[in-house]
């Protein structure tokens, strides 16, 4: 049984990142006074549209980008003071695959472990390759591995030094179902044993199913950070599904607290804040624009609806 979470796994305090402009262009503010607290052993979601600042934050945590100001700590280990210990405490699974084609998976993990100062006697490389389904390819050259196998090896490189915090940056983008299921089973096992997992993903159903708490960034700022269940409840969203008969439907104008998603076969899903908009008001708005409704149903919102509404109105 997991113990109650009290200690912080990751703490970000007033983090700022400003990229200087070139040729007299204005500086770009990628992160603005960002503060986050992730409890030790949490499965935490980090969401946001493209350009929200997620990649900048991850690259700062990984030591690839120098922050403009602010503090970052893992279990009270300061990134600026205890540099080596901080790096050993974090593992990042990046989006891009980049390997030396002349190394084998075993050699790649062995070198990675050495870079983190893991003693030879403490390197469980064969065990890790087996857990990732790569034991049959441990001595194959990298160039012979499939895309899915390379993705598995990326996970291995992030875990070979047994970090306390693991960051997954879009880990299932473009991967098959088998790899996705393997990854989540492995991450759930790690998390159950106390590893802090931070996930960024565009598959919002994954975040909703896996993450206990979710932060949403937009334009470099934190716009929401709640338990997943509270986030869904807090926004007071409702969804109405409509089937219409108009063959050539023009752009639909909605009230500010509503967003729309178009489906095939002349169907729409409209999410709206039920504290701000009444269902009858929304239907009257659609009728006034000439929409002929053949069928409709309502449902509670999911995380994708919450995400669309929050980022639209920020």
Protein backbone atom coordinates (compact mmCIF):
# COMPACT_ATOMS: atom_id res chain seq x y z
CA UNK A 1 0.00 0.00 0.00
CA UNK A 2 1.33 3.44 -0.91
CA UNK A 3 1.98 5.85 1.93
CA UNK A 4 0.41 9.29 2.09
CA UNK A 5 2.29 11.78 -0.06
CA UNK A 6 3.78 14.68 1.87
CA UNK A 7 7.31 15.27 0.55
CA UNK A 8 7.79 17.23 -2.65
CA UNK A 9 9.26 15.35 -5.57
CA UNK A 10 9.66 18.49 -7.70
CA UNK A 11 9.37 22.16 -6.84
CA UNK A 12 9.50 25.06 -9.30
CA UNK A 13 9.57 28.58 -7.85
CA UNK A 14 8.97 31.77 -9.86
CA UNK A 15 10.60 30.32 -12.97
CA UNK A 16 11.17 32.69 -15.88
CA UNK A 17 12.69 32.15 -19.30
CA UNK A 18 13.12 34.98 -21.78
CA UNK A 19 14.72 34.38 -25.17
CA UNK A 20 16.50 37.48 -26.46
CA UNK A 21 15.25 38.84 -29.74
CA UNK A 22 17.45 39.02 -32.82
CA UNK A 23 17.73 41.84 -35.38
CA UNK A 24 15.84 44.26 -33.10
CA UNK A 25 12.94 41.83 -32.64
CA UNK A 26 11.16 41.74 -29.29
CA UNK A 27 12.29 39.22 -26.64
CA UNK A 28 10.15 36.10 -26.35
CA UNK A 29 8.80 35.26 -22.90
CA UNK A 30 8.59 31.46 -22.82
CA UNK A 31 7.88 31.09 -19.07
CA UNK A 32 6.51 33.75 -16.77
CA UNK A 33 6.70 33.43 -12.97
CA UNK A 34 5.88 29.72 -13.11
CA UNK A 35 5.52 27.97 -9.75
CA UNK A 36 4.66 24.27 -9.39
CA UNK A 37 4.74 21.71 -6.62
CA UNK A 38 4.64 18.00 -7.45
CA UNK A 39 4.38 15.61 -4.52
CA UNK A 40 6.87 12.78 -4.24
CA UNK A 41 5.45 9.63 -5.82
CA UNK A 42 2.75 11.48 -7.80
CA UNK A 43 1.67 10.76 -11.37
CA UNK A 44 1.46 14.34 -12.61
CA UNK A 45 0.20 15.70 -15.93
CA UNK A 46 1.67 18.77 -17.65
CA UNK A 47 -0.55 19.96 -20.49
CA UNK A 48 -0.78 22.92 -22.80
CA UNK A 49 -1.16 23.85 -26.47
CA UNK A 50 1.86 24.17 -28.77
CA UNK A 51 3.99 27.10 -27.66
CA UNK A 52 2.66 27.03 -24.09
CA UNK A 53 6.13 26.58 -22.58
CA UNK A 54 6.10 22.85 -21.79
CA UNK A 55 9.22 22.03 -23.80
CA UNK A 56 11.07 25.00 -22.33
CA UNK A 57 10.23 23.81 -18.81
CA UNK A 58 11.33 20.24 -19.58
CA UNK A 59 14.58 21.43 -21.16
CA UNK A 60 15.32 23.57 -18.09
CA UNK A 61 14.74 20.57 -15.82
CA UNK A 62 16.96 18.44 -18.05
CA UNK A 63 19.73 21.07 -17.97
CA UNK A 64 19.52 21.75 -21.71
CA UNK A 65 18.23 25.32 -21.36
CA UNK A 66 19.46 27.91 -18.85
CA UNK A 67 16.62 29.61 -16.99
CA UNK A 68 16.49 33.39 -16.78
CA UNK A 69 15.52 33.34 -13.10
CA UNK A 70 13.79 31.19 -10.51
CA UNK A 71 14.46 28.03 -8.50
CA UNK A 72 14.11 24.34 -9.35
CA UNK A 73 14.44 21.60 -6.74
CA UNK A 74 14.01 17.83 -6.59
CA UNK A 75 13.47 16.64 -3.02
CA UNK A 76 15.09 19.87 -1.82
CA UNK A 77 18.10 19.30 -4.11
CA UNK A 78 18.74 22.69 -5.73
CA UNK A 79 19.54 22.56 -9.44
CA UNK A 80 22.04 25.43 -9.13
CA UNK A 81 23.80 24.30 -5.96
CA UNK A 82 23.89 20.48 -6.18
CA UNK A 83 24.21 20.18 -9.95
CA UNK A 84 25.46 16.60 -10.18
CA UNK A 85 23.04 15.23 -7.58
CA UNK A 86 20.15 17.02 -9.29
CA UNK A 87 21.00 15.47 -12.66
CA UNK A 88 21.18 12.00 -11.12
CA UNK A 89 17.73 12.53 -9.61
CA UNK A 90 15.95 13.10 -12.92
CA UNK A 91 15.42 11.10 -16.09
CA UNK A 92 13.85 12.48 -19.27
CA UNK A 93 12.28 10.48 -22.11
CA UNK A 94 12.45 12.98 -25.00
CA UNK A 95 10.29 13.10 -28.12
CA UNK A 96 13.17 12.73 -30.56
CA UNK A 97 15.17 9.54 -31.04
CA UNK A 98 18.92 10.16 -31.38
CA UNK A 99 21.43 7.30 -31.11
CA UNK A 100 24.91 6.33 -32.22
CA UNK A 101 24.20 3.83 -35.03
CA UNK A 102 27.32 1.81 -34.21
CA UNK A 103 26.38 1.08 -30.60
CA UNK A 104 24.24 -1.83 -29.43
CA UNK A 105 21.37 -1.27 -26.97
CA UNK A 106 23.48 -2.85 -24.20
CA UNK A 107 26.44 -0.59 -24.96
CA UNK A 108 24.22 2.47 -25.16
CA UNK A 109 22.72 1.81 -21.72
CA UNK A 110 26.10 0.88 -20.26
CA UNK A 111 27.63 4.17 -21.41
CA UNK A 112 24.62 6.12 -20.14
CA UNK A 113 24.92 4.47 -16.73
CA UNK A 114 28.61 5.37 -16.64
CA UNK A 115 27.84 9.00 -17.42
CA UNK A 116 25.63 9.11 -14.34
CA UNK A 117 28.27 7.49 -12.17
CA UNK A 118 26.43 4.21 -11.63
CA UNK A 119 28.90 1.56 -10.43
CA UNK A 120 29.43 -1.49 -12.65
CA UNK A 121 28.13 -3.76 -9.90
CA UNK A 122 24.90 -1.72 -9.66
CA UNK A 123 24.04 -1.63 -13.37
CA UNK A 124 20.96 -3.78 -14.02
CA UNK A 125 21.14 -3.40 -17.77
CA UNK A 126 20.05 -6.91 -18.75
CA UNK A 127 17.07 -6.68 -16.41
CA UNK A 128 16.12 -3.31 -17.89
CA UNK A 129 16.41 -4.59 -21.47
CA UNK A 130 14.19 -7.55 -20.58
CA UNK A 131 11.57 -5.28 -18.98
CA UNK A 132 11.54 -3.19 -22.17
CA UNK A 133 11.22 -6.23 -24.44
CA UNK A 134 14.69 -5.68 -25.93
CA UNK A 135 16.58 -8.67 -24.51
CA UNK A 136 16.68 -10.30 -27.96
CA UNK A 137 18.23 -7.15 -29.44
CA UNK A 138 20.76 -6.33 -26.72
CA UNK A 139 23.73 -6.92 -29.04
CA UNK A 140 22.17 -5.73 -32.31
CA UNK A 141 23.39 -2.55 -33.97
CA UNK A 142 21.13 0.45 -33.44
CA UNK A 143 20.53 0.94 -37.15
CA UNK A 144 18.78 -2.46 -37.27
CA UNK A 145 16.18 -1.51 -34.64
CA UNK A 146 12.64 -0.51 -35.54
CA UNK A 147 11.20 2.84 -34.51
CA UNK A 148 9.31 1.23 -31.64
CA UNK A 149 12.45 -0.48 -30.37
CA UNK A 150 14.35 2.79 -30.44
CA UNK A 151 11.57 4.41 -28.47
CA UNK A 152 11.88 1.63 -25.86
CA UNK A 153 15.60 2.25 -25.66
CA UNK A 154 14.97 5.95 -25.00
CA UNK A 155 12.94 4.90 -21.98
CA UNK A 156 15.81 2.67 -20.86
CA UNK A 157 18.32 5.53 -21.14
CA UNK A 158 16.11 7.69 -18.94
CA UNK A 159 15.76 4.96 -16.30
CA UNK A 160 19.23 3.36 -16.25
CA UNK A 161 20.36 5.45 -13.28
CA UNK A 162 17.12 4.84 -11.29
CA UNK A 163 16.05 8.51 -11.06
CA UNK A 164 13.54 9.69 -8.48
CA UNK A 165 11.69 11.83 -11.05
CA UNK A 166 10.91 10.65 -14.59
CA UNK A 167 9.65 13.08 -17.23
CA UNK A 168 7.82 11.63 -20.23
CA UNK A 169 7.67 14.13 -23.10
CA UNK A 170 4.96 12.97 -25.53
CA UNK A 171 6.10 9.35 -25.07
CA UNK A 172 3.31 7.69 -27.07
CA UNK A 173 3.19 10.06 -30.05
CA UNK A 174 3.05 7.88 -33.15
CA UNK A 175 3.69 4.57 -31.37
CA UNK A 176 1.71 1.35 -31.68
CA UNK A 177 -0.77 0.02 -29.11
CA UNK A 178 1.61 -2.68 -27.84
CA UNK A 179 4.33 -0.15 -27.00
CA UNK A 180 1.82 2.21 -25.43
CA UNK A 181 0.47 -0.51 -23.15
CA UNK A 182 3.99 -1.67 -22.25
CA UNK A 183 5.03 1.88 -21.38
CA UNK A 184 2.05 2.56 -19.14
CA UNK A 185 2.35 -0.78 -17.36
CA UNK A 186 6.01 -0.03 -16.65
CA UNK A 187 5.33 3.55 -15.53
CA UNK A 188 2.52 2.40 -13.22
CA UNK A 189 4.89 -0.12 -11.63
CA UNK A 190 7.58 2.55 -11.13
CA UNK A 191 5.04 4.98 -9.74
CA UNK A 192 3.64 2.37 -7.34
CA UNK A 193 7.18 1.95 -5.99
CA UNK A 194 7.56 5.68 -5.30
CA UNK A 195 8.94 7.18 -8.53
CA UNK A 196 7.50 10.58 -9.40
CA UNK A 197 6.18 10.59 -12.98
CA UNK A 198 5.56 13.79 -14.96
CA UNK A 199 3.73 13.33 -18.25
CA UNK A 200 3.21 15.67 -21.17
CA UNK A 201 0.87 14.38 -23.84
CA UNK A 202 -1.58 15.47 -26.51
CA UNK A 203 -3.62 12.33 -25.84
CA UNK A 204 -5.77 13.88 -23.15
CA UNK A 205 -7.60 10.63 -22.41
CA UNK A 206 -4.23 9.25 -21.27
CA UNK A 207 -3.71 12.14 -18.88
CA UNK A 208 -7.21 11.78 -17.51
CA UNK A 209 -6.77 8.04 -16.93
CA UNK A 210 -3.24 8.15 -15.47
CA UNK A 211 -2.65 11.45 -13.71
CA UNK A 212 -3.76 12.24 -10.18
CA UNK A 213 -3.10 15.94 -10.69
CA UNK A 214 -2.79 18.10 -13.80
CA UNK A 215 -1.24 21.48 -14.54
CA UNK A 216 -2.18 23.40 -17.67
CA UNK A 217 0.16 25.97 -19.20
CA UNK A 218 -0.76 28.58 -21.77
CA UNK A 219 1.46 31.34 -23.13
CA UNK A 220 4.13 30.55 -20.55
CA UNK A 221 1.83 30.89 -17.55
CA UNK A 222 0.10 28.42 -15.27
CA UNK A 223 -3.65 28.69 -15.82
CA UNK A 224 -4.79 25.66 -13.82
CA UNK A 225 -3.32 23.11 -11.38
CA UNK A 226 -5.74 20.75 -9.66
CA UNK A 227 -6.48 17.16 -8.87
CA UNK A 228 -7.87 15.67 -12.07
CA UNK A 229 -11.30 15.07 -10.54
CA UNK A 230 -11.42 18.60 -9.10
CA UNK A 231 -10.37 20.09 -12.42
CA UNK A 232 -13.23 18.35 -14.17
CA UNK A 233 -15.72 19.41 -11.49
CA UNK A 234 -14.40 22.94 -11.00
CA UNK A 235 -14.98 24.11 -14.54
CA UNK A 236 -18.68 23.16 -14.45
CA UNK A 237 -18.60 21.99 -18.03
CA UNK A 238 -21.41 20.25 -19.80
CA UNK A 239 -21.37 18.84 -23.31
CA UNK A 240 -24.23 18.79 -25.80
CA UNK A 241 -24.00 16.52 -28.84
CA UNK A 242 -25.99 17.57 -31.90
CA UNK A 243 -26.81 15.94 -35.21
CA UNK A 244 -27.87 18.49 -37.80
CA UNK A 245 -29.28 18.30 -41.34
CA UNK A 246 -27.64 21.35 -42.96
CA UNK A 247 -25.42 20.07 -45.75
CA UNK A 248 -23.38 23.25 -46.15
CA UNK A 249 -22.98 24.50 -42.61
CA UNK A 250 -21.12 27.79 -42.24
CA UNK A 251 -18.92 28.82 -39.30
CA UNK A 252 -20.86 28.82 -36.05
CA UNK A 253 -20.54 31.72 -33.61
CA UNK A 254 -20.82 30.73 -29.94
CA UNK A 255 -20.84 32.63 -26.63
CA UNK A 256 -17.43 33.17 -24.99
CA UNK A 257 -17.87 30.37 -22.46
CA UNK A 258 -18.49 27.71 -25.08
CA UNK A 259 -16.28 25.79 -27.52
CA UNK A 260 -17.13 23.51 -30.42
CA UNK A 261 -15.75 20.32 -31.91
CA UNK A 262 -16.93 19.14 -35.31
CA UNK A 263 -17.28 15.43 -36.11
CA UNK A 264 -18.00 13.49 -39.27
CA UNK A 265 -21.55 12.64 -40.39
CA UNK A 266 -22.90 16.11 -39.58
CA UNK A 267 -22.37 15.96 -35.84
CA UNK A 268 -21.17 18.60 -33.36
CA UNK A 269 -20.07 18.52 -29.72
CA UNK A 270 -20.35 21.82 -27.86
CA UNK A 271 -18.87 22.18 -24.37
CA UNK A 272 -20.01 25.07 -22.22
CA UNK A 273 -19.92 26.42 -18.68
CA UNK A 274 -23.33 25.61 -17.28
CA UNK A 275 -22.98 28.37 -14.66
CA UNK A 276 -22.64 30.95 -17.42
CA UNK A 277 -24.81 29.56 -20.21
CA UNK A 278 -28.17 27.82 -20.02
CA UNK A 279 -28.85 24.93 -22.39
CA UNK A 280 -31.94 26.68 -23.81
CA UNK A 281 -29.86 29.81 -24.45
CA UNK A 282 -27.26 27.78 -26.35
CA UNK A 283 -29.89 26.01 -28.45
CA UNK A 284 -31.59 29.33 -29.27
CA UNK A 285 -28.17 30.67 -30.37
CA UNK A 286 -27.73 27.73 -32.76
CA UNK A 287 -31.28 28.00 -34.15
CA UNK A 288 -30.81 31.73 -34.77
CA UNK A 289 -27.90 30.82 -37.08
CA UNK A 290 -30.10 28.51 -39.11
CA UNK A 291 -28.89 25.19 -37.74
CA UNK A 292 -31.50 22.47 -38.19
CA UNK A 293 -31.12 20.00 -35.32
CA UNK A 294 -32.28 16.43 -35.88
CA UNK A 295 -31.10 14.91 -32.60
CA UNK A 296 -29.30 15.97 -29.43
CA UNK A 297 -27.98 14.53 -26.19
CA UNK A 298 -26.03 15.87 -23.20
CA UNK A 299 -23.13 14.46 -21.19
CA UNK A 300 -20.57 15.48 -18.59
CA UNK A 301 -17.29 16.93 -19.84
CA UNK A 302 -13.99 15.07 -20.13
CA UNK A 303 -10.49 16.52 -19.82
CA UNK A 304 -10.33 17.40 -23.51
CA UNK A 305 -13.34 19.68 -23.09
CA UNK A 306 -11.84 21.30 -20.00
CA UNK A 307 -8.56 21.84 -21.84
CA UNK A 308 -10.22 23.46 -24.86
CA UNK A 309 -12.30 25.81 -22.76
CA UNK A 310 -9.48 26.90 -20.43
CA UNK A 311 -6.95 27.53 -23.20
CA UNK A 312 -9.53 29.27 -25.39
CA UNK A 313 -10.46 31.77 -22.69
CA UNK A 314 -6.92 32.50 -21.45
